[in-house]
Amino acid sequence: MSKASIRNVVEEPWQQFPGHFGGALSKALVRPENLGSKLVDYRISTYQPMAYVETHAHQVQEQIYHVLEGEGAMEIEGKTSIVRRHDVIFIPPGVRHSIRNNGLGDLTFIVVTTPVDDR
C-alpha cells in the first residue's frame, strides 16, 4: 500500500534506463518500486550534450515533459522542434517521439508518465 511521503531528489540515484544513450540520466522519484505509486511515474532527467532517448511510442501511456534548463531537439512523429526552458510537451499514446540534447550544456526536464505500465 502506498503512503504519503516527502523525499529530496538527492535521495534517488541517477540511472540510465534502457533505450537511453550517451549520458541520458534520470532519477525515478515516484515509482511503484520506491513509493508504491499506482498511476504515476515521475522523473527528473538530465541529458548531457549528445545524449538522447531512441524514438519510441507508448501503447497506453501519456507523457508530459517540462523543460527546466538547457535546449534540445524533440522529435514528434518525424517532425523536430527545438525545446527550451519552460516548454511543456504532451505526448499521447501511440505517438512516436524522442528527445536529444543538441545544446551546449545539460538539458534538464521533468517527465510525468501515466499509467505506470504501458499495457
PDB file of N, CA and C in Angstrom:
ATOM      1  N   MET A   1       0.844  -1.189   0.000  1.00  0.00           N
ATOM      2  CA  MET A   1       0.000   0.000   0.000  1.00  0.00           C
ATOM      3  C   MET A   1       0.883   1.245   0.000  1.00  0.00           C
ATOM      4  N   SER A   2       0.541   2.218  -0.816  1.00  0.00           N
ATOM      5  CA  SER A   2       1.323   3.447  -0.860  1.00  0.00           C
ATOM      6  C   SER A   2       0.905   4.362   0.278  1.00  0.00           C
ATOM      7  N   LYS A   3       1.824   5.260   0.652  1.00  0.00           N
ATOM      8  CA  LYS A   3       1.540   6.239   1.697  1.00  0.00           C
ATOM      9  C   LYS A   3       2.160   7.566   1.299  1.00  0.00           C
ATOM     10  N   ALA A   4       1.680   8.624   1.908  1.00  0.00           N
ATOM     11  CA  ALA A   4       2.221   9.957   1.630  1.00  0.00           C
ATOM     12  C   ALA A   4       3.690   9.989   2.035  1.00  0.00           C
ATOM     13  N   SER A   5       4.486  10.762   1.301  1.00  0.00           N
ATOM     14  CA  SER A   5       5.912  10.841   1.620  1.00  0.00           C
ATOM     15  C   SER A   5       6.496  12.158   1.133  1.00  0.00           C
ATOM     16  N   ILE A   6       7.619  12.493   1.718  1.00  0.00           N
ATOM     17  CA  ILE A   6       8.425  13.639   1.290  1.00  0.00           C
ATOM     18  C   ILE A   6       9.835  13.114   1.085  1.00  0.00           C
ATOM     19  N   ARG A   7      10.391  13.389  -0.090  1.00  0.00           N
ATOM     20  CA  ARG A   7      11.754  12.961  -0.395  1.00  0.00           C
ATOM     21  C   ARG A   7      12.494  14.127  -1.022  1.00  0.00           C
ATOM     22  N   ASN A   8      13.793  14.067  -0.925  1.00  0.00           N
ATOM     23  CA  ASN A   8      14.647  15.017  -1.616  1.00  0.00           C
ATOM     24  C   ASN A   8      15.224  14.321  -2.840  1.00  0.00           C
ATOM     25  N   VAL A   9      15.375  15.047  -3.922  1.00  0.00           N
ATOM     26  CA  VAL A   9      15.882  14.491  -5.176  1.00  0.00           C
ATOM     27  C   VAL A   9      17.238  13.798  -4.984  1.00  0.00           C
ATOM     28  N   VAL A  10      18.026  14.237  -4.019  1.00  0.00           N
ATOM     29  CA  VAL A  10      19.354  13.661  -3.773  1.00  0.00           C
ATOM     30  C   VAL A  10      19.252  12.211  -3.279  1.00  0.00           C
ATOM     31  N   GLU A  11      18.115  11.838  -2.704  1.00  0.00           N
ATOM     32  CA  GLU A  11      17.944  10.502  -2.156  1.00  0.00           C
ATOM     33  C   GLU A  11      17.849   9.414  -3.224  1.00  0.00           C
ATOM     34  N   GLU A  12      17.520   9.771  -4.451  1.00  0.00           N
ATOM     35  CA  GLU A  12      17.354   8.781  -5.523  1.00  0.00           C
ATOM     36  C   GLU A  12      18.589   8.779  -6.423  1.00  0.00           C
ATOM     37  N   PRO A  13      19.167   7.606  -6.719  1.00  0.00           N
ATOM     38  CA  PRO A  13      20.361   7.565  -7.574  1.00  0.00           C
ATOM     39  C   PRO A  13      20.030   7.843  -9.045  1.00  0.00           C
ATOM     40  N   TRP A  14      21.025   8.342  -9.777  1.00  0.00           N
ATOM     41  CA  TRP A  14      20.899   8.509 -11.223  1.00  0.00           C
ATOM     42  C   TRP A  14      20.903   7.137 -11.868  1.00  0.00           C
ATOM     43  N   GLN A  15      20.111   6.982 -12.927  1.00  0.00           N
ATOM     44  CA  GLN A  15      20.086   5.747 -13.700  1.00  0.00           C
ATOM     45  C   GLN A  15      20.066   6.098 -15.186  1.00  0.00           C
ATOM     46  N   GLN A  16      20.595   5.188 -15.990  1.00  0.00           N
ATOM     47  CA  GLN A  16      20.428   5.310 -17.439  1.00  0.00           C
ATOM     48  C   GLN A  16      19.525   4.149 -17.851  1.00  0.00           C
ATOM     49  N   PHE A  17      18.257   4.453 -18.096  1.00  0.00           N
ATOM     50  CA  PHE A  17      17.263   3.436 -18.396  1.00  0.00           C
ATOM     51  C   PHE A  17      17.481   2.854 -19.791  1.00  0.00           C
ATOM     52  N   PRO A  18      16.946   1.647 -20.073  1.00  0.00           N
ATOM     53  CA  PRO A  18      17.071   1.056 -21.418  1.00  0.00           C
ATOM     54  C   PRO A  18      16.540   2.015 -22.489  1.00  0.00           C
ATOM     55  N   GLY A  19      17.226   2.043 -23.629  1.00  0.00           N
ATOM     56  CA  GLY A  19      16.823   2.907 -24.734  1.00  0.00           C
ATOM     57  C   GLY A  19      17.334   4.335 -24.613  1.00  0.00           C
ATOM     58  N   HIS A  20      18.068   4.643 -23.553  1.00  0.00           N
ATOM     59  CA  HIS A  20      18.643   5.970 -23.316  1.00  0.00           C
ATOM     60  C   HIS A  20      20.157   5.856 -23.474  1.00  0.00           C
ATOM     61  N   PHE A  21      20.771   6.838 -24.141  1.00  0.00           N
ATOM     62  CA  PHE A  21      22.178   6.696 -24.507  1.00  0.00           C
ATOM     63  C   PHE A  21      22.972   7.985 -24.295  1.00  0.00           C
ATOM     64  N   GLY A  22      24.279   7.844 -24.119  1.00  0.00           N
ATOM     65  CA  GLY A  22      25.219   8.966 -24.119  1.00  0.00           C
ATOM     66  C   GLY A  22      25.145   9.877 -22.913  1.00  0.00           C
ATOM     67  N   GLY A  23      24.740   9.355 -21.769  1.00  0.00           N
ATOM     68  CA  GLY A  23      24.612  10.204 -20.585  1.00  0.00           C
ATOM     69  C   GLY A  23      23.219  10.776 -20.431  1.00  0.00           C
ATOM     70  N   ALA A  24      22.211  10.004 -20.868  1.00  0.00           N
ATOM     71  CA  ALA A  24      20.803  10.372 -20.676  1.00  0.00           C
ATOM     72  C   ALA A  24      20.373   9.803 -19.331  1.00  0.00           C
ATOM     73  N   LEU A  25      20.537  10.597 -18.282  1.00  0.00           N
ATOM     74  CA  LEU A  25      20.363  10.123 -16.910  1.00  0.00           C
ATOM     75  C   LEU A  25      19.038  10.579 -16.315  1.00  0.00           C
ATOM     76  N   SER A  26      18.450   9.721 -15.487  1.00  0.00           N
ATOM     77  CA  SER A  26      17.174  10.044 -14.844  1.00  0.00           C
ATOM     78  C   SER A  26      17.180   9.595 -13.399  1.00  0.00           C
ATOM     79  N   LYS A  27      16.390  10.302 -12.601  1.00  0.00           N
ATOM     80  CA  LYS A  27      16.105   9.912 -11.223  1.00  0.00           C
ATOM     81  C   LYS A  27      14.619   9.603 -11.175  1.00  0.00           C
ATOM     82  N   ALA A  28      14.280   8.340 -10.925  1.00  0.00           N
ATOM     83  CA  ALA A  28      12.883   7.914 -10.843  1.00  0.00           C
ATOM     84  C   ALA A  28      12.370   8.271  -9.454  1.00  0.00           C
ATOM     85  N   LEU A  29      11.812   9.456  -9.313  1.00  0.00           N
ATOM     86  CA  LEU A  29      11.459   9.993  -7.992  1.00  0.00           C
ATOM     87  C   LEU A  29      10.197   9.378  -7.411  1.00  0.00           C
ATOM     88  N   VAL A  30       9.212   9.089  -8.261  1.00  0.00           N
ATOM     89  CA  VAL A  30       7.972   8.455  -7.794  1.00  0.00           C
ATOM     90  C   VAL A  30       7.670   7.301  -8.733  1.00  0.00           C
ATOM     91  N   ARG A  31       7.764   6.090  -8.203  1.00  0.00           N
ATOM     92  CA  ARG A  31       7.513   4.861  -8.963  1.00  0.00           C
ATOM     93  C   ARG A  31       6.942   3.817  -8.019  1.00  0.00           C
ATOM     94  N   PRO A  32       6.356   2.759  -8.552  1.00  0.00           N
ATOM     95  CA  PRO A  32       5.858   1.695  -7.670  1.00  0.00           C
ATOM     96  C   PRO A  32       6.966   1.098  -6.801  1.00  0.00           C
ATOM     97  N   GLU A  33       8.171   0.971  -7.370  1.00  0.00           N
ATOM     98  CA  GLU A  33       9.282   0.341  -6.658  1.00  0.00           C
ATOM     99  C   GLU A  33       9.767   1.134  -5.446  1.00  0.00           C
ATOM    100  N   ASN A  34       9.698   2.457  -5.518  1.00  0.00           N
ATOM    101  CA  ASN A  34      10.255   3.235  -4.410  1.00  0.00           C
ATOM    102  C   ASN A  34       9.200   3.896  -3.520  1.00  0.00           C
ATOM    103  N   LEU A  35       8.024   4.231  -4.076  1.00  0.00           N
ATOM    104  CA  LEU A  35       7.000   4.881  -3.246  1.00  0.00           C
ATOM    105  C   LEU A  35       5.625   4.224  -3.334  1.00  0.00           C
ATOM    106  N   GLY A  36       5.518   3.194  -4.139  1.00  0.00           N
ATOM    107  CA  GLY A  36       4.238   2.496  -4.231  1.00  0.00           C
ATOM    108  C   GLY A  36       3.184   3.184  -5.078  1.00  0.00           C
ATOM    109  N   SER A  37       3.596   4.098  -5.967  1.00  0.00           N
ATOM    110  CA  SER A  37       2.606   4.773  -6.822  1.00  0.00           C
ATOM    111  C   SER A  37       1.942   3.749  -7.740  1.00  0.00           C
ATOM    112  N   LYS A  38       0.692   3.976  -8.006  1.00  0.00           N
ATOM    113  CA  LYS A  38      -0.050   3.059  -8.865  1.00  0.00           C
ATOM    114  C   LYS A  38      -0.356   3.664 -10.240  1.00  0.00           C
ATOM    115  N   LEU A  39      -0.402   4.983 -10.327  1.00  0.00           N
ATOM    116  CA  LEU A  39      -0.814   5.639 -11.558  1.00  0.00           C
ATOM    117  C   LEU A  39       0.247   6.513 -12.204  1.00  0.00           C
ATOM    118  N   VAL A  40       1.271   6.929 -11.438  1.00  0.00           N
ATOM    119  CA  VAL A  40       2.207   7.945 -11.932  1.00  0.00           C
ATOM    120  C   VAL A  40       3.658   7.483 -11.838  1.00  0.00           C
ATOM    121  N   ASP A  41       4.394   7.765 -12.913  1.00  0.00           N
ATOM    122  CA  ASP A  41       5.851   7.645 -12.949  1.00  0.00           C
ATOM    123  C   ASP A  41       6.354   9.085 -13.101  1.00  0.00           C
ATOM    124  N   TYR A  42       7.093   9.575 -12.117  1.00  0.00           N
ATOM    125  CA  TYR A  42       7.551  10.973 -12.095  1.00  0.00           C
ATOM    126  C   TYR A  42       9.071  10.967 -12.014  1.00  0.00           C
ATOM    127  N   ARG A  43       9.723  11.542 -13.017  1.00  0.00           N
ATOM    128  CA  ARG A  43      11.187  11.532 -13.089  1.00  0.00           C
ATOM    129  C   ARG A  43      11.735  12.918 -13.382  1.00  0.00           C
ATOM    130  N   ILE A  44      12.957  13.142 -12.926  1.00  0.00           N
ATOM    131  CA  ILE A  44      13.741  14.275 -13.404  1.00  0.00           C
ATOM    132  C   ILE A  44      14.893  13.680 -14.198  1.00  0.00           C
ATOM    133  N   SER A  45      15.159  14.270 -15.343  1.00  0.00           N
ATOM    134  CA  SER A  45      16.202  13.765 -16.227  1.00  0.00           C
ATOM    135  C   SER A  45      17.177  14.880 -16.566  1.00  0.00           C
ATOM    136  N   THR A  46      18.436  14.500 -16.689  1.00  0.00           N
ATOM    137  CA  THR A  46      19.469  15.405 -17.173  1.00  0.00           C
ATOM    138  C   THR A  46      20.222  14.687 -18.277  1.00  0.00           C
ATOM    139  N   TYR A  47      20.188  15.257 -19.459  1.00  0.00           N
ATOM    140  CA  TYR A  47      20.884  14.690 -20.608  1.00  0.00           C
ATOM    141  C   TYR A  47      22.118  15.548 -20.883  1.00  0.00           C
ATOM    142  N   GLN A  48      23.264  14.918 -20.914  1.00  0.00           N
ATOM    143  CA  GLN A  48      24.492  15.604 -21.280  1.00  0.00           C
ATOM    144  C   GLN A  48      24.450  15.900 -22.780  1.00  0.00           C
ATOM    145  N   PRO A  49      25.268  16.834 -23.276  1.00  0.00           N
ATOM    146  CA  PRO A  49      25.289  17.092 -24.715  1.00  0.00           C
ATOM    147  C   PRO A  49      25.484  15.788 -25.495  1.00  0.00           C
ATOM    148  N   MET A  50      24.697  15.614 -26.542  1.00  0.00           N
ATOM    149  CA  MET A  50      24.663  14.462 -27.438  1.00  0.00           C
ATOM    150  C   MET A  50      23.860  13.286 -26.872  1.00  0.00           C
ATOM    151  N   ALA A  51      23.389  13.327 -25.649  1.00  0.00           N
ATOM    152  CA  ALA A  51      22.593  12.238 -25.083  1.00  0.00           C
ATOM    153  C   ALA A  51      21.196  12.258 -25.686  1.00  0.00           C
ATOM    154  N   TYR A  52      20.561  11.081 -25.707  1.00  0.00           N
ATOM    155  CA  TYR A  52      19.227  11.004 -26.304  1.00  0.00           C
ATOM    156  C   TYR A  52      18.505   9.737 -25.840  1.00  0.00           C
ATOM    157  N   VAL A  53      17.189   9.725 -26.063  1.00  0.00           N
ATOM    158  CA  VAL A  53      16.384   8.524 -25.943  1.00  0.00           C
ATOM    159  C   VAL A  53      15.969   8.146 -27.359  1.00  0.00           C
ATOM    160  N   GLU A  54      16.034   6.847 -27.666  1.00  0.00           N
ATOM    161  CA  GLU A  54      15.672   6.408 -29.014  1.00  0.00           C
ATOM    162  C   GLU A  54      14.189   6.693 -29.295  1.00  0.00           C
ATOM    163  N   THR A  55      13.872   6.846 -30.563  1.00  0.00           N
ATOM    164  CA  THR A  55      12.491   7.102 -30.966  1.00  0.00           C
ATOM    165  C   THR A  55      11.628   5.902 -30.584  1.00  0.00           C
ATOM    166  N   HIS A  56      10.507   6.198 -29.949  1.00  0.00           N
ATOM    167  CA  HIS A  56       9.623   5.146 -29.456  1.00  0.00           C
ATOM    168  C   HIS A  56       8.208   5.691 -29.314  1.00  0.00           C
ATOM    169  N   ALA A  57       7.261   4.795 -29.069  1.00  0.00           N
ATOM    170  CA  ALA A  57       5.870   5.172 -28.799  1.00  0.00           C
ATOM    171  C   ALA A  57       5.374   4.305 -27.650  1.00  0.00           C
ATOM    172  N   HIS A  58       4.418   4.816 -26.919  1.00  0.00           N
ATOM    173  CA  HIS A  58       3.807   4.073 -25.826  1.00  0.00           C
ATOM    174  C   HIS A  58       2.421   3.605 -26.268  1.00  0.00           C
ATOM    175  N   GLN A  59       2.034   2.421 -25.811  1.00  0.00           N
ATOM    176  CA  GLN A  59       0.736   1.870 -26.204  1.00  0.00           C
ATOM    177  C   GLN A  59      -0.417   2.605 -25.532  1.00  0.00           C
ATOM    178  N   VAL A  60      -0.329   2.774 -24.209  1.00  0.00           N
ATOM    179  CA  VAL A  60      -1.441   3.385 -23.470  1.00  0.00           C
ATOM    180  C   VAL A  60      -1.006   4.577 -22.617  1.00  0.00           C
ATOM    181  N   GLN A  61       0.298   4.751 -22.445  1.00  0.00           N
ATOM    182  CA  GLN A  61       0.788   5.816 -21.564  1.00  0.00           C
ATOM    183  C   GLN A  61       0.741   7.190 -22.223  1.00  0.00           C
ATOM    184  N   GLU A  62       0.406   8.184 -21.403  1.00  0.00           N
ATOM    185  CA  GLU A  62       0.550   9.595 -21.765  1.00  0.00           C
ATOM    186  C   GLU A  62       1.800  10.113 -21.062  1.00  0.00           C
ATOM    187  N   GLN A  63       2.482  11.065 -21.700  1.00  0.00           N
ATOM    188  CA  GLN A  63       3.656  11.677 -21.075  1.00  0.00           C
ATOM    189  C   GLN A  63       3.587  13.185 -21.183  1.00  0.00           C
ATOM    190  N   ILE A  64       4.121  13.822 -20.153  1.00  0.00           N
ATOM    191  CA  ILE A  64       4.316  15.273 -20.141  1.00  0.00           C
ATOM    192  C   ILE A  64       5.781  15.531 -19.833  1.00  0.00           C
ATOM    193  N   TYR A  65       6.423  16.319 -20.674  1.00  0.00           N
ATOM    194  CA  TYR A  65       7.798  16.774 -20.455  1.00  0.00           C
ATOM    195  C   TYR A  65       7.730  18.254 -20.097  1.00  0.00           C
ATOM    196  N   HIS A  66       8.477  18.661 -19.083  1.00  0.00           N
ATOM    197  CA  HIS A  66       8.596  20.074 -18.718  1.00  0.00           C
ATOM    198  C   HIS A  66      10.087  20.386 -18.662  1.00  0.00           C
ATOM    199  N   VAL A  67      10.561  21.172 -19.622  1.00  0.00           N
ATOM    200  CA  VAL A  67      11.982  21.513 -19.694  1.00  0.00           C
ATOM    201  C   VAL A  67      12.303  22.562 -18.633  1.00  0.00           C
ATOM    202  N   LEU A  68      13.285  22.260 -17.798  1.00  0.00           N
ATOM    203  CA  LEU A  68      13.697  23.165 -16.720  1.00  0.00           C
ATOM    204  C   LEU A  68      14.911  23.998 -17.097  1.00  0.00           C
ATOM    205  N   GLU A  69      15.868  23.386 -17.776  1.00  0.00           N
ATOM    206  CA  GLU A  69      17.108  24.080 -18.159  1.00  0.00           C
ATOM    207  C   GLU A  69      17.642  23.490 -19.455  1.00  0.00           C
ATOM    208  N   GLY A  70      18.350  24.301 -20.225  1.00  0.00           N
ATOM    209  CA  GLY A  70      19.015  23.832 -21.430  1.00  0.00           C
ATOM    210  C   GLY A  70      18.133  23.883 -22.656  1.00  0.00           C
ATOM    211  N   GLU A  71      18.674  23.347 -23.748  1.00  0.00           N
ATOM    212  CA  GLU A  71      17.971  23.304 -25.024  1.00  0.00           C
ATOM    213  C   GLU A  71      18.193  21.940 -25.650  1.00  0.00           C
ATOM    214  N   GLY A  72      17.186  21.473 -26.376  1.00  0.00           N
ATOM    215  CA  GLY A  72      17.305  20.187 -27.046  1.00  0.00           C
ATOM    216  C   GLY A  72      16.396  20.119 -28.244  1.00  0.00           C
ATOM    217  N   ALA A  73      16.375  18.947 -28.855  1.00  0.00           N
ATOM    218  CA  ALA A  73      15.534  18.706 -30.024  1.00  0.00           C
ATOM    219  C   ALA A  73      14.529  17.619 -29.665  1.00  0.00           C
ATOM    220  N   MET A  74      13.248  17.931 -29.786  1.00  0.00           N
ATOM    221  CA  MET A  74      12.164  16.988 -29.521  1.00  0.00           C
ATOM    222  C   MET A  74      11.591  16.569 -30.860  1.00  0.00           C
ATOM    223  N   GLU A  75      11.630  15.269 -31.131  1.00  0.00           N
ATOM    224  CA  GLU A  75      11.046  14.755 -32.361  1.00  0.00           C
ATOM    225  C   GLU A  75       9.698  14.138 -32.031  1.00  0.00           C
ATOM    226  N   ILE A  76       8.672  14.577 -32.736  1.00  0.00           N
ATOM    227  CA  ILE A  76       7.320  14.049 -32.574  1.00  0.00           C
ATOM    228  C   ILE A  76       6.804  13.678 -33.954  1.00  0.00           C
ATOM    229  N   GLU A  77       6.554  12.385 -34.152  1.00  0.00           N
ATOM    230  CA  GLU A  77       6.052  11.873 -35.434  1.00  0.00           C
ATOM    231  C   GLU A  77       6.896  12.365 -36.611  1.00  0.00           C
ATOM    232  N   GLY A  78       8.224  12.326 -36.461  1.00  0.00           N
ATOM    233  CA  GLY A  78       9.137  12.679 -37.538  1.00  0.00           C
ATOM    234  C   GLY A  78       9.428  14.155 -37.696  1.00  0.00           C
ATOM    235  N   LYS A  79       8.752  15.026 -36.933  1.00  0.00           N
ATOM    236  CA  LYS A  79       8.985  16.470 -37.004  1.00  0.00           C
ATOM    237  C   LYS A  79       9.796  16.899 -35.781  1.00  0.00           C
ATOM    238  N   THR A  80      10.895  17.592 -36.009  1.00  0.00           N
ATOM    239  CA  THR A  80      11.776  18.022 -34.933  1.00  0.00           C
ATOM    240  C   THR A  80      11.530  19.478 -34.579  1.00  0.00           C
ATOM    241  N   SER A  81      11.398  19.734 -33.280  1.00  0.00           N
ATOM    242  CA  SER A  81      11.235  21.099 -32.760  1.00  0.00           C
ATOM    243  C   SER A  81      12.279  21.326 -31.681  1.00  0.00           C
ATOM    244  N   ILE A  82      12.784  22.553 -31.621  1.00  0.00           N
ATOM    245  CA  ILE A  82      13.705  22.923 -30.547  1.00  0.00           C
ATOM    246  C   ILE A  82      12.875  23.184 -29.295  1.00  0.00           C
ATOM    247  N   VAL A  83      13.320  22.606 -28.173  1.00  0.00           N
ATOM    248  CA  VAL A  83      12.650  22.824 -26.888  1.00  0.00           C
ATOM    249  C   VAL A  83      13.646  23.461 -25.929  1.00  0.00           C
ATOM    250  N   ARG A  84      13.114  24.329 -25.078  1.00  0.00           N
ATOM    251  CA  ARG A  84      13.975  25.049 -24.127  1.00  0.00           C
ATOM    252  C   ARG A  84      13.200  25.318 -22.848  1.00  0.00           C
ATOM    253  N   ARG A  85      13.825  26.004 -21.931  1.00  0.00           N
ATOM    254  CA  ARG A  85      13.280  26.250 -20.597  1.00  0.00           C
ATOM    255  C   ARG A  85      11.800  26.647 -20.614  1.00  0.00           C
ATOM    256  N   HIS A  86      11.040  25.941 -19.810  1.00  0.00           N
ATOM    257  CA  HIS A  86       9.610  26.121 -19.584  1.00  0.00           C
ATOM    258  C   HIS A  86       8.726  25.720 -20.747  1.00  0.00           C
ATOM    259  N   ASP A  87       9.284  25.038 -21.747  1.00  0.00           N
ATOM    260  CA  ASP A  87       8.417  24.401 -22.737  1.00  0.00           C
ATOM    261  C   ASP A  87       7.799  23.173 -22.071  1.00  0.00           C
ATOM    262  N   VAL A  88       6.525  22.945 -22.329  1.00  0.00           N
ATOM    263  CA  VAL A  88       5.803  21.780 -21.815  1.00  0.00           C
ATOM    264  C   VAL A  88       5.276  21.016 -23.019  1.00  0.00           C
ATOM    265  N   ILE A  89       5.618  19.732 -23.094  1.00  0.00           N
ATOM    266  CA  ILE A  89       5.282  18.898 -24.236  1.00  0.00           C
ATOM    267  C   ILE A  89       4.364  17.778 -23.772  1.00  0.00           C
ATOM    268  N   PHE A  90       3.251  17.587 -24.462  1.00  0.00           N
ATOM    269  CA  PHE A  90       2.326  16.496 -24.155  1.00  0.00           C
ATOM    270  C   PHE A  90       2.418  15.458 -25.259  1.00  0.00           C
ATOM    271  N   ILE A  91       2.615  14.197 -24.869  1.00  0.00           N
ATOM    272  CA  ILE A  91       2.706  13.096 -25.820  1.00  0.00           C
ATOM    273  C   ILE A  91       1.587  12.096 -25.526  1.00  0.00           C
ATOM    274  N   PRO A  92       0.580  11.989 -26.415  1.00  0.00           N
ATOM    275  CA  PRO A  92      -0.481  10.993 -26.216  1.00  0.00           C
ATOM    276  C   PRO A  92       0.014   9.584 -26.566  1.00  0.00           C
ATOM    277  N   PRO A  93      -0.735   8.550 -26.186  1.00  0.00           N
ATOM    278  CA  PRO A  93      -0.369   7.182 -26.558  1.00  0.00           C
ATOM    279  C   PRO A  93      -0.279   7.024 -28.075  1.00  0.00           C
ATOM    280  N   GLY A  94       0.650   6.169 -28.508  1.00  0.00           N
ATOM    281  CA  GLY A  94       0.779   5.855 -29.928  1.00  0.00           C
ATOM    282  C   GLY A  94       1.576   6.842 -30.747  1.00  0.00           C
ATOM    283  N   VAL A  95       2.044   7.939 -30.156  1.00  0.00           N
ATOM    284  CA  VAL A  95       2.781   8.970 -30.892  1.00  0.00           C
ATOM    285  C   VAL A  95       4.291   8.697 -30.753  1.00  0.00           C
ATOM    286  N   ARG A  96       4.950   8.514 -31.890  1.00  0.00           N
ATOM    287  CA  ARG A  96       6.400   8.259 -31.880  1.00  0.00           C
ATOM    288  C   ARG A  96       7.129   9.555 -31.518  1.00  0.00           C
ATOM    289  N   HIS A  97       8.102   9.433 -30.604  1.00  0.00           N
ATOM    290  CA  HIS A  97       8.806  10.622 -30.120  1.00  0.00           C
ATOM    291  C   HIS A  97      10.195  10.267 -29.596  1.00  0.00           C
ATOM    292  N   SER A  98      11.028  11.278 -29.481  1.00  0.00           N
ATOM    293  CA  SER A  98      12.350  11.165 -28.854  1.00  0.00           C
ATOM    294  C   SER A  98      12.785  12.571 -28.457  1.00  0.00           C
ATOM    295  N   ILE A  99      13.770  12.605 -27.571  1.00  0.00           N
ATOM    296  CA  ILE A  99      14.366  13.886 -27.196  1.00  0.00           C
ATOM    297  C   ILE A  99      15.876  13.709 -27.177  1.00  0.00           C
ATOM    298  N   ARG A 100      16.568  14.749 -27.634  1.00  0.00           N
ATOM    299  CA  ARG A 100      18.023  14.706 -27.774  1.00  0.00           C
ATOM    300  C   ARG A 100      18.595  16.043 -27.310  1.00  0.00           C
ATOM    301  N   ASN A 101      19.725  15.981 -26.636  1.00  0.00           N
ATOM    302  CA  ASN A 101      20.392  17.226 -26.238  1.00  0.00           C
ATOM    303  C   ASN A 101      21.356  17.643 -27.336  1.00  0.00           C
ATOM    304  N   ASN A 102      20.946  18.625 -28.119  1.00  0.00           N
ATOM    305  CA  ASN A 102      21.799  19.217 -29.157  1.00  0.00           C
ATOM    306  C   ASN A 102      22.413  20.527 -28.681  1.00  0.00           C
ATOM    307  N   GLY A 103      22.166  20.877 -27.425  1.00  0.00           N
ATOM    308  CA  GLY A 103      22.632  22.157 -26.896  1.00  0.00           C
ATOM    309  C   GLY A 103      24.076  22.128 -26.429  1.00  0.00           C
ATOM    310  N   LEU A 104      24.478  23.221 -25.814  1.00  0.00           N
ATOM    311  CA  LEU A 104      25.862  23.372 -25.352  1.00  0.00           C
ATOM    312  C   LEU A 104      26.074  22.904 -23.922  1.00  0.00           C
ATOM    313  N   GLY A 105      24.998  22.876 -23.134  1.00  0.00           N
ATOM    314  CA  GLY A 105      25.085  22.428 -21.741  1.00  0.00           C
ATOM    315  C   GLY A 105      24.078  21.330 -21.486  1.00  0.00           C
ATOM    316  N   ASP A 106      23.928  20.967 -20.228  1.00  0.00           N
ATOM    317  CA  ASP A 106      22.981  19.916 -19.873  1.00  0.00           C
ATOM    318  C   ASP A 106      21.537  20.341 -20.161  1.00  0.00           C
ATOM    319  N   LEU A 107      20.723  19.368 -20.532  1.00  0.00           N
ATOM    320  CA  LEU A 107      19.290  19.544 -20.753  1.00  0.00           C
ATOM    321  C   LEU A 107      18.581  18.845 -19.598  1.00  0.00           C
ATOM    322  N   THR A 108      17.858  19.597 -18.776  1.00  0.00           N
ATOM    323  CA  THR A 108      17.201  19.037 -17.601  1.00  0.00           C
ATOM    324  C   THR A 108      15.696  19.230 -17.734  1.00  0.00           C
ATOM    325  N   PHE A 109      14.949  18.148 -17.471  1.00  0.00           N
ATOM    326  CA  PHE A 109      13.499  18.207 -17.623  1.00  0.00           C
ATOM    327  C   PHE A 109      12.824  17.206 -16.695  1.00  0.00           C
ATOM    328  N   ILE A 110      11.548  17.474 -16.420  1.00  0.00           N
ATOM    329  CA  ILE A 110      10.684  16.569 -15.678  1.00  0.00           C
ATOM    330  C   ILE A 110       9.898  15.750 -16.692  1.00  0.00           C
ATOM    331  N   VAL A 111       9.706  14.460 -16.410  1.00  0.00           N
ATOM    332  CA  VAL A 111       8.830  13.619 -17.231  1.00  0.00           C
ATOM    333  C   VAL A 111       7.805  12.971 -16.307  1.00  0.00           C
ATOM    334  N   VAL A 112       6.535  13.173 -16.638  1.00  0.00           N
ATOM    335  CA  VAL A 112       5.439  12.542 -15.901  1.00  0.00           C
ATOM    336  C   VAL A 112       4.756  11.575 -16.872  1.00  0.00           C
ATOM    337  N   THR A 113       4.637  10.315 -16.456  1.00  0.00           N
ATOM    338  CA  THR A 113       4.042   9.284 -17.296  1.00  0.00           C
ATOM    339  C   THR A 113       2.907   8.620 -16.532  1.00  0.00           C
ATOM    340  N   THR A 114       1.775   8.437 -17.217  1.00  0.00           N
ATOM    341  CA  THR A 114       0.649   7.740 -16.592  1.00  0.00           C
ATOM    342  C   THR A 114      -0.084   6.945 -17.664  1.00  0.00           C
ATOM    343  N   PRO A 115      -0.508   5.734 -17.379  1.00  0.00           N
ATOM    344  CA  PRO A 115      -0.264   4.986 -16.150  1.00  0.00           C
ATOM    345  C   PRO A 115       1.185   4.517 -16.066  1.00  0.00           C
ATOM    346  N   VAL A 116       1.528   3.881 -14.973  1.00  0.00           N
ATOM    347  CA  VAL A 116       2.912   3.445 -14.746  1.00  0.00           C
ATOM    348  C   VAL A 116       3.335   2.407 -15.771  1.00  0.00           C
ATOM    349  N   ASP A 117       2.473   1.448 -16.065  1.00  0.00           N
ATOM    350  CA  ASP A 117       2.797   0.378 -17.013  1.00  0.00           C
ATOM    351  C   ASP A 117       2.184   0.660 -18.374  1.00  0.00           C
ATOM    352  N   ASP A 118       2.886   0.264 -19.424  1.00  0.00           N
ATOM    353  CA  ASP A 118       2.423   0.513 -20.788  1.00  0.00           C
ATOM    354  C   ASP A 118       1.715  -0.711 -21.366  1.00  0.00           C
ATOM    355  N   ARG A 119       0.693  -1.200 -20.658  1.00  0.00           N
ATOM    356  CA  ARG A 119      -0.095  -2.325 -21.174  1.00  0.00           C
ATOM    357  C   ARG A 119      -1.547  -2.137 -20.884  1.00  0.00           C
TER     358      ARG A 119
END
